[in-house]
Amino acid sequence: MPSDYFPLFIMLVVSVAFAAIGVGVSALLGPRRPTAIKGQTYESGMPAVGTARRRVWIRYYLVAVIFILFDIEIIFFYPWAVVFRQEPVFLFVEMALFVAILLVGYIYVWRKGGFDWY
């Protein structure tokens, strides 16, 4: 059984070695011309204003997590649509149950005020 994982181990070793060699060669042979302008903080084409240690409203993170959860769950519709013709009744009931669970989660977040922007 462990011999079945040997090719995977070899691939892991080769990929880590390739990445390490690439970073090492780049660090050794790459140009080094540090300047004051290159050392400044730069984000989205705007110069930095203020400190980076300010508090961020937690609602941004909550909305991002909710978006990712609902967005990733939508991805499950594609494989379902591909195999739908094999067993249409069973797969329809299964997807209806999946959508019902999503709807319960959506209603829960809505009731808790997860979508309120004030």
Protein backbone atom coordinates (compact mmCIF):
# COMPACT_ATOMS: atom_id res chain seq x y z
CA MET A 1 0.00 0.00 0.00
CA PRO A 2 2.68 2.62 0.81
CA SER A 3 4.35 1.83 -2.52
CA ASP A 4 1.25 3.22 -4.26
CA TYR A 5 2.10 6.66 -2.88
CA PHE A 6 5.74 6.61 -4.03
CA PRO A 7 5.07 8.47 -7.34
CA LEU A 8 3.19 11.13 -5.40
CA PHE A 9 6.12 11.49 -3.01
CA ILE A 10 8.54 11.83 -5.95
CA MET A 11 6.34 14.50 -7.53
CA LEU A 12 6.22 16.40 -4.22
CA VAL A 13 10.01 16.27 -3.83
CA VAL A 14 10.62 17.38 -7.42
CA SER A 15 8.13 20.26 -7.18
CA VAL A 16 9.55 21.54 -3.88
CA ALA A 17 13.09 21.26 -5.24
CA PHE A 18 12.12 23.07 -8.44
CA ALA A 19 10.53 25.91 -6.47
CA ALA A 20 13.48 26.17 -4.07
CA ILE A 21 16.00 26.19 -6.92
CA GLY A 22 14.00 28.84 -8.79
CA VAL A 23 13.81 31.14 -5.77
CA GLY A 24 17.47 30.55 -4.89
CA VAL A 25 18.78 31.26 -8.38
CA SER A 26 16.61 34.36 -8.62
CA ALA A 27 17.91 35.63 -5.27
CA LEU A 28 21.53 35.00 -6.25
CA LEU A 29 21.50 36.26 -9.84
CA GLY A 30 18.74 38.88 -9.74
CA PRO A 31 19.57 42.61 -9.83
CA ARG A 32 19.64 44.56 -6.58
CA ARG A 33 18.98 48.27 -6.97
CA PRO A 34 17.06 49.41 -3.86
CA THR A 35 15.87 53.01 -3.85
CA ALA A 36 13.73 55.08 -1.52
CA ILE A 37 10.84 55.09 -4.02
CA LYS A 38 10.93 51.30 -4.36
CA GLY A 39 10.78 50.95 -0.59
CA GLN A 40 7.59 52.98 -0.23
CA THR A 41 4.23 51.32 0.33
CA TYR A 42 2.11 51.25 -2.83
CA GLU A 43 -1.39 49.87 -3.20
CA SER A 44 -3.89 50.17 -6.05
CA GLY A 45 -2.18 53.16 -7.63
CA MET A 46 -2.69 55.36 -4.57
CA PRO A 47 -0.01 56.47 -2.12
CA ALA A 48 -0.47 55.17 1.41
CA VAL A 49 -2.25 57.52 3.80
CA GLY A 50 -2.24 56.87 7.53
CA THR A 51 -1.34 53.70 9.33
CA ALA A 52 -2.10 50.12 8.36
CA ARG A 53 -3.01 49.27 11.96
CA ARG A 54 -6.51 50.74 11.98
CA ARG A 55 -9.61 48.75 12.87
CA VAL A 56 -11.65 47.26 10.06
CA TRP A 57 -15.39 46.74 10.39
CA ILE A 58 -16.09 43.03 10.93
CA ARG A 59 -19.10 43.14 8.61
CA TYR A 60 -16.73 43.24 5.62
CA TYR A 61 -15.32 39.87 6.62
CA LEU A 62 -18.74 38.39 7.34
CA VAL A 63 -20.11 39.45 3.96
CA ALA A 64 -17.00 38.06 2.24
CA VAL A 65 -17.41 34.69 3.97
CA ILE A 66 -21.13 34.57 3.17
CA PHE A 67 -20.40 35.42 -0.47
CA ILE A 68 -17.74 32.72 -0.73
CA LEU A 69 -20.01 30.11 0.85
CA PHE A 70 -22.95 30.80 -1.44
CA ASP A 71 -20.72 31.26 -4.48
CA ILE A 72 -18.87 27.98 -3.99
CA GLU A 73 -22.09 26.10 -3.39
CA ILE A 74 -23.39 27.33 -6.74
CA ILE A 75 -20.47 25.47 -8.35
CA PHE A 76 -22.19 22.20 -7.41
CA PHE A 77 -24.95 22.93 -9.93
CA TYR A 78 -22.66 22.26 -12.91
CA PRO A 79 -21.78 18.60 -12.18
CA TRP A 80 -25.40 18.04 -11.19
CA ALA A 81 -26.55 19.35 -14.57
CA VAL A 82 -24.02 17.15 -16.38
CA VAL A 83 -25.29 13.90 -14.83
CA PHE A 84 -28.95 14.90 -14.56
CA ARG A 85 -30.09 12.65 -17.44
CA GLN A 86 -28.79 9.50 -15.73
CA GLU A 87 -31.33 9.51 -12.89
CA PRO A 88 -33.52 12.60 -13.23
CA VAL A 89 -35.98 11.94 -10.39
CA PHE A 90 -33.37 11.07 -7.76
CA LEU A 91 -31.05 13.91 -8.79
CA PHE A 92 -33.91 16.42 -8.85
CA VAL A 93 -34.91 15.47 -5.29
CA GLU A 94 -31.28 15.60 -4.21
CA MET A 95 -30.78 19.08 -5.69
CA ALA A 96 -34.09 20.28 -4.26
CA LEU A 97 -32.87 19.20 -0.81
CA PHE A 98 -29.54 20.95 -1.41
CA VAL A 99 -31.29 24.17 -2.45
CA ALA A 100 -33.60 23.91 0.56
CA ILE A 101 -30.58 23.71 2.87
CA LEU A 102 -29.06 26.71 1.10
CA LEU A 103 -32.32 28.59 1.49
CA VAL A 104 -32.42 27.84 5.22
CA GLY A 105 -28.86 29.19 5.55
CA TYR A 106 -29.75 32.25 3.49
CA ILE A 107 -32.82 32.98 5.61
CA TYR A 108 -30.79 32.50 8.80
CA VAL A 109 -28.18 35.03 7.66
CA TRP A 110 -30.93 37.41 6.55
CA ARG A 111 -32.71 37.20 9.92
CA LYS A 112 -29.45 37.74 11.81
CA GLY A 113 -28.86 40.94 9.82
CA GLY A 114 -25.93 39.69 7.78
CA PHE A 115 -27.09 41.62 4.72
CA ASP A 116 -27.82 44.94 6.44
CA TRP A 117 -25.46 47.73 5.37
CA TYR A 118 -25.88 50.58 7.79
